[in-house]
Amino acid sequence: MDKACTWSPPPPPPPPPTPAKSASACSATPCENGGACKDVPSAVGFVCTCADGFSGALCSDEEWPIMGIPGEGFLAGVGLVISAIAAIFKRKSDADKDGDAVEMDEKV
């Protein structure tokens, strides 16, 4: 009684699982005030391109629109105006001490 023996190779191993894609750093929308987020290969993982009038790493700093000075927006402008007014009064005060006071014409 001869029995025929058949042999077949074992099936190939299953492919390795595909690594899960890491979430985009921009998926959390880190850029503020309408800034555009771009993923970059770095420690931070993203870069923000700020809309006009804003600056900073996350576009959270409002710029004073007239001079483009980063700061707290309106408050930065108010601070500059107050500084200018203080300088004018200081000059007038110094001129009064020197006896060089500027007289103003009275308007009727």
N, C-alpha and C. Protein backbone atom coordinates (compact mmCIF):
# COMPACT_ATOMS: atom_id res chain seq x y z
N MET A 1 0.81 -1.15 0.00
CA MET A 1 0.00 0.00 0.00
C MET A 1 0.87 1.24 0.00
N ASP A 2 1.00 1.72 -1.12
CA ASP A 2 1.75 2.97 -1.25
C ASP A 2 0.78 4.14 -1.25
N LYS A 3 1.11 5.02 -0.41
CA LYS A 3 0.31 6.25 -0.37
C LYS A 3 1.18 7.36 -0.91
N ALA A 4 0.61 8.16 -1.73
CA ALA A 4 1.37 9.29 -2.26
C ALA A 4 1.35 10.43 -1.24
N CYS A 5 2.45 10.97 -1.09
CA CYS A 5 2.58 12.06 -0.13
C CYS A 5 2.75 13.36 -0.91
N THR A 6 1.97 14.33 -0.60
CA THR A 6 2.13 15.64 -1.27
C THR A 6 2.54 16.66 -0.21
N TRP A 7 3.38 17.51 -0.65
CA TRP A 7 3.87 18.56 0.27
C TRP A 7 3.62 19.92 -0.38
N SER A 8 3.15 20.85 0.38
CA SER A 8 3.02 22.22 -0.13
C SER A 8 3.69 23.15 0.87
N PRO A 9 4.30 24.18 0.32
CA PRO A 9 5.00 25.12 1.22
C PRO A 9 4.00 25.86 2.10
N PRO A 10 4.47 26.31 3.27
CA PRO A 10 3.56 27.05 4.15
C PRO A 10 3.19 28.39 3.51
N PRO A 11 2.07 28.94 3.87
CA PRO A 11 1.67 30.23 3.29
C PRO A 11 2.64 31.32 3.74
N PRO A 12 2.80 32.35 2.94
CA PRO A 12 3.72 33.43 3.35
C PRO A 12 3.18 34.15 4.58
N PRO A 13 4.09 34.73 5.36
CA PRO A 13 3.62 35.43 6.55
C PRO A 13 2.82 36.67 6.15
N PRO A 14 1.92 37.12 6.99
CA PRO A 14 1.13 38.31 6.64
C PRO A 14 2.06 39.54 6.62
N PRO A 15 1.69 40.53 5.83
CA PRO A 15 2.54 41.73 5.78
C PRO A 15 2.52 42.45 7.13
N PRO A 16 3.60 43.16 7.43
CA PRO A 16 3.61 43.88 8.71
C PRO A 16 2.54 44.96 8.70
N PRO A 17 2.02 45.27 9.86
CA PRO A 17 0.98 46.30 9.89
C PRO A 17 1.58 47.66 9.47
N THR A 18 0.77 48.40 8.75
CA THR A 18 1.24 49.73 8.34
C THR A 18 1.21 50.65 9.56
N PRO A 19 2.28 51.42 9.74
CA PRO A 19 2.29 52.31 10.90
C PRO A 19 1.19 53.35 10.78
N ALA A 20 0.59 53.64 11.90
CA ALA A 20 -0.47 54.64 11.90
C ALA A 20 0.15 56.00 11.60
N LYS A 21 -0.54 56.75 10.78
CA LYS A 21 -0.06 58.09 10.47
C LYS A 21 -0.19 58.95 11.71
N SER A 22 0.88 59.68 11.99
CA SER A 22 0.80 60.57 13.14
C SER A 22 -0.09 61.75 12.78
N ALA A 23 -0.76 62.26 13.76
CA ALA A 23 -1.65 63.39 13.52
C ALA A 23 -0.84 64.61 13.11
N SER A 24 -1.37 65.37 12.22
CA SER A 24 -0.73 66.59 11.77
C SER A 24 -0.68 67.58 12.93
N ALA A 25 0.45 68.28 13.06
CA ALA A 25 0.56 69.30 14.10
C ALA A 25 -0.45 70.41 13.85
N CYS A 26 -0.83 70.60 12.59
CA CYS A 26 -1.78 71.66 12.25
C CYS A 26 -3.23 71.25 12.50
N SER A 27 -3.47 69.96 12.77
CA SER A 27 -4.86 69.54 12.97
C SER A 27 -5.47 70.18 14.21
N ALA A 28 -4.64 70.64 15.13
CA ALA A 28 -5.14 71.31 16.33
C ALA A 28 -5.36 72.80 16.10
N THR A 29 -5.15 73.27 14.88
CA THR A 29 -5.26 74.69 14.49
C THR A 29 -4.60 75.62 15.52
N PRO A 30 -3.26 75.54 15.62
CA PRO A 30 -2.56 76.34 16.62
C PRO A 30 -2.42 77.82 16.27
N CYS A 31 -2.52 78.16 14.98
CA CYS A 31 -2.33 79.55 14.56
C CYS A 31 -3.60 80.36 14.83
N GLU A 32 -3.42 81.53 15.44
CA GLU A 32 -4.56 82.36 15.80
C GLU A 32 -4.77 83.48 14.78
N ASN A 33 -5.88 84.16 14.91
CA ASN A 33 -6.20 85.37 14.13
C ASN A 33 -6.07 85.18 12.62
N GLY A 34 -6.50 84.03 12.14
CA GLY A 34 -6.50 83.79 10.69
C GLY A 34 -5.16 83.38 10.13
N GLY A 35 -4.20 83.02 10.98
CA GLY A 35 -2.89 82.58 10.50
C GLY A 35 -2.99 81.22 9.84
N ALA A 36 -2.11 80.98 8.84
CA ALA A 36 -2.10 79.71 8.12
C ALA A 36 -1.03 78.80 8.71
N CYS A 37 -1.39 77.56 8.98
CA CYS A 37 -0.47 76.59 9.58
C CYS A 37 0.12 75.70 8.49
N LYS A 38 1.44 75.41 8.61
CA LYS A 38 2.11 74.50 7.68
C LYS A 38 2.93 73.52 8.51
N ASP A 39 2.74 72.22 8.25
CA ASP A 39 3.52 71.19 8.94
C ASP A 39 4.96 71.24 8.45
N VAL A 40 5.91 71.16 9.37
CA VAL A 40 7.33 71.12 9.02
C VAL A 40 8.02 70.07 9.89
N PRO A 41 9.05 69.43 9.36
CA PRO A 41 9.76 68.44 10.16
C PRO A 41 10.71 69.13 11.14
N SER A 42 10.21 69.45 12.30
CA SER A 42 11.03 70.08 13.34
C SER A 42 10.49 69.65 14.70
N ALA A 43 11.13 70.13 15.74
CA ALA A 43 10.68 69.79 17.09
C ALA A 43 9.27 70.29 17.34
N VAL A 44 8.96 71.48 16.81
CA VAL A 44 7.63 72.05 17.00
C VAL A 44 6.64 71.36 16.08
N GLY A 45 7.03 71.11 14.85
CA GLY A 45 6.17 70.40 13.91
C GLY A 45 5.32 71.27 13.02
N PHE A 46 5.32 72.59 13.22
CA PHE A 46 4.52 73.47 12.38
C PHE A 46 5.09 74.88 12.41
N VAL A 47 4.67 75.67 11.43
CA VAL A 47 5.03 77.09 11.35
C VAL A 47 3.77 77.84 10.96
N CYS A 48 3.55 79.00 11.60
CA CYS A 48 2.38 79.83 11.29
C CYS A 48 2.80 80.98 10.37
N THR A 49 2.02 81.23 9.35
CA THR A 49 2.17 82.42 8.52
C THR A 49 1.02 83.33 8.90
N CYS A 50 1.36 84.48 9.48
CA CYS A 50 0.34 85.34 10.07
C CYS A 50 -0.35 86.23 9.04
N ALA A 51 -1.61 86.52 9.33
CA ALA A 51 -2.38 87.47 8.51
C ALA A 51 -1.87 88.88 8.81
N ASP A 52 -2.14 89.80 7.90
CA ASP A 52 -1.73 91.19 8.10
C ASP A 52 -2.24 91.70 9.44
N GLY A 53 -1.36 92.41 10.14
CA GLY A 53 -1.73 93.01 11.41
C GLY A 53 -1.42 92.14 12.62
N PHE A 54 -0.87 90.92 12.39
CA PHE A 54 -0.56 90.01 13.49
C PHE A 54 0.84 89.44 13.31
N SER A 55 1.48 89.10 14.44
CA SER A 55 2.81 88.52 14.39
C SER A 55 2.97 87.57 15.57
N GLY A 56 4.15 86.97 15.67
CA GLY A 56 4.44 86.03 16.75
C GLY A 56 4.36 84.60 16.26
N ALA A 57 4.88 83.69 17.06
CA ALA A 57 4.93 82.28 16.68
C ALA A 57 3.55 81.70 16.38
N LEU A 58 2.53 82.16 17.11
CA LEU A 58 1.17 81.66 16.92
C LEU A 58 0.24 82.74 16.36
N CYS A 59 0.82 83.85 15.87
CA CYS A 59 0.04 84.97 15.33
C CYS A 59 -0.88 85.58 16.39
N SER A 60 -0.44 85.56 17.63
CA SER A 60 -1.28 86.07 18.72
C SER A 60 -0.97 87.51 19.08
N ASP A 61 0.11 88.07 18.52
CA ASP A 61 0.48 89.45 18.83
C ASP A 61 -0.11 90.39 17.78
N GLU A 62 -0.93 91.31 18.23
CA GLU A 62 -1.52 92.29 17.32
C GLU A 62 -0.52 93.41 17.11
N GLU A 63 -0.34 93.82 15.86
CA GLU A 63 0.57 94.91 15.56
C GLU A 63 -0.20 96.21 15.49
N TRP A 64 0.44 97.29 15.89
CA TRP A 64 -0.18 98.59 15.74
C TRP A 64 -0.18 98.91 14.26
N PRO A 65 -1.34 99.07 13.64
CA PRO A 65 -1.41 99.12 12.19
C PRO A 65 -0.65 100.27 11.54
N ILE A 66 -0.48 101.39 12.21
CA ILE A 66 0.17 102.52 11.56
C ILE A 66 1.66 102.29 11.42
N MET A 67 2.30 101.78 12.47
CA MET A 67 3.75 101.64 12.45
C MET A 67 4.22 100.20 12.40
N GLY A 68 3.34 99.24 12.45
CA GLY A 68 3.72 97.83 12.44
C GLY A 68 4.50 97.42 13.68
N ILE A 69 4.22 98.07 14.79
CA ILE A 69 4.93 97.77 16.03
C ILE A 69 4.22 96.62 16.73
N PRO A 70 4.94 95.52 17.02
CA PRO A 70 4.28 94.45 17.75
C PRO A 70 3.94 94.90 19.16
N GLY A 71 2.84 94.50 19.65
CA GLY A 71 2.45 94.88 21.00
C GLY A 71 1.04 94.44 21.27
N GLU A 72 0.36 95.20 22.05
CA GLU A 72 -1.00 94.85 22.42
C GLU A 72 -2.00 95.68 21.62
N GLY A 73 -1.71 95.91 20.35
CA GLY A 73 -2.65 96.59 19.48
C GLY A 73 -2.95 98.00 19.91
N PHE A 74 -4.19 98.26 20.25
CA PHE A 74 -4.65 99.60 20.60
C PHE A 74 -3.86 100.18 21.77
N LEU A 75 -3.56 99.34 22.77
CA LEU A 75 -2.84 99.84 23.94
C LEU A 75 -1.42 100.29 23.59
N ALA A 76 -0.78 99.63 22.64
CA ALA A 76 0.55 100.06 22.22
C ALA A 76 0.47 101.45 21.59
N GLY A 77 -0.57 101.69 20.80
CA GLY A 77 -0.76 103.00 20.18
C GLY A 77 -1.03 104.08 21.21
N VAL A 78 -1.84 103.76 22.20
CA VAL A 78 -2.15 104.72 23.26
C VAL A 78 -0.87 105.07 24.01
N GLY A 79 -0.04 104.07 24.28
CA GLY A 79 1.22 104.31 24.98
C GLY A 79 2.13 105.25 24.21
N LEU A 80 2.19 105.09 22.89
CA LEU A 80 3.02 105.99 22.08
C LEU A 80 2.48 107.41 22.10
N VAL A 81 1.18 107.58 22.03
CA VAL A 81 0.58 108.91 22.07
C VAL A 81 0.85 109.58 23.41
N ILE A 82 0.69 108.84 24.49
CA ILE A 82 0.95 109.39 25.83
C ILE A 82 2.42 109.80 25.96
N SER A 83 3.33 108.98 25.44
CA SER A 83 4.75 109.32 25.49
C SER A 83 5.04 110.60 24.72
N ALA A 84 4.41 110.76 23.56
CA ALA A 84 4.62 111.97 22.76
C ALA A 84 4.09 113.20 23.48
N ILE A 85 2.92 113.09 24.09
CA ILE A 85 2.34 114.22 24.82
C ILE A 85 3.22 114.57 26.02
N ALA A 86 3.71 113.58 26.74
CA ALA A 86 4.58 113.83 27.89
C ALA A 86 5.86 114.54 27.45
N ALA A 87 6.41 114.15 26.30
CA ALA A 87 7.63 114.81 25.80
C ALA A 87 7.35 116.27 25.46
N ILE A 88 6.18 116.57 24.90
CA ILE A 88 5.82 117.96 24.56
C ILE A 88 5.72 118.80 25.84
N PHE A 89 5.04 118.27 26.85
CA PHE A 89 4.90 119.00 28.11
C PHE A 89 6.24 119.19 28.80
N LYS A 90 7.11 118.19 28.71
CA LYS A 90 8.44 118.32 29.33
C LYS A 90 9.22 119.44 28.64
N ARG A 91 9.17 119.49 27.31
CA ARG A 91 9.86 120.57 26.60
C ARG A 91 9.31 121.93 26.98
N LYS A 92 7.99 122.03 27.10
CA LYS A 92 7.37 123.31 27.48
C LYS A 92 7.80 123.68 28.89
N SER A 93 7.82 122.70 29.80
CA SER A 93 8.21 122.95 31.18
C SER A 93 9.68 123.39 31.24
N ASP A 94 10.55 122.74 30.47
CA ASP A 94 11.96 123.12 30.45
C ASP A 94 12.13 124.53 29.89
N ALA A 95 11.35 124.86 28.87
CA ALA A 95 11.43 126.20 28.27
C ALA A 95 10.96 127.25 29.27
N ASP A 96 9.92 126.96 30.05
CA ASP A 96 9.42 127.89 31.07
C ASP A 96 10.49 128.14 32.14
N LYS A 97 11.23 127.11 32.52
CA LYS A 97 12.27 127.25 33.54
C LYS A 97 13.41 128.15 33.03
N ASP A 98 13.68 128.06 31.72
CA ASP A 98 14.75 128.86 31.13
C ASP A 98 14.30 130.27 30.79
N GLY A 99 13.04 130.58 30.98
CA GLY A 99 12.52 131.89 30.63
C GLY A 99 12.25 132.04 29.15
N ASP A 100 12.23 130.94 28.42
CA ASP A 100 11.98 130.98 26.98
C ASP A 100 10.57 130.51 26.66
N ALA A 101 9.64 130.84 27.51
CA ALA A 101 8.28 130.36 27.31
C ALA A 101 7.73 130.87 25.99
N VAL A 102 7.04 130.04 25.34
CA VAL A 102 6.42 130.40 24.07
C VAL A 102 5.04 130.93 24.38
N GLU A 103 4.79 132.14 23.91
CA GLU A 103 3.47 132.73 24.14
C GLU A 103 2.57 132.38 22.97
N MET A 104 1.34 132.13 23.31
CA MET A 104 0.39 131.78 22.27
C MET A 104 -0.56 132.95 22.06
N ASP A 105 -0.93 133.15 20.82
CA ASP A 105 -1.88 134.21 20.50
C ASP A 105 -3.25 133.83 21.04
N GLU A 106 -3.91 134.82 21.61
CA GLU A 106 -5.27 134.58 22.08
C GLU A 106 -6.22 134.74 20.92
N LYS A 107 -7.11 133.83 20.82
CA LYS A 107 -8.13 133.94 19.76
C LYS A 107 -9.41 134.42 20.40
N VAL A 108 -10.07 135.32 19.74
CA VAL A 108 -11.29 135.88 20.30
C VAL A 108 -12.48 135.16 19.72
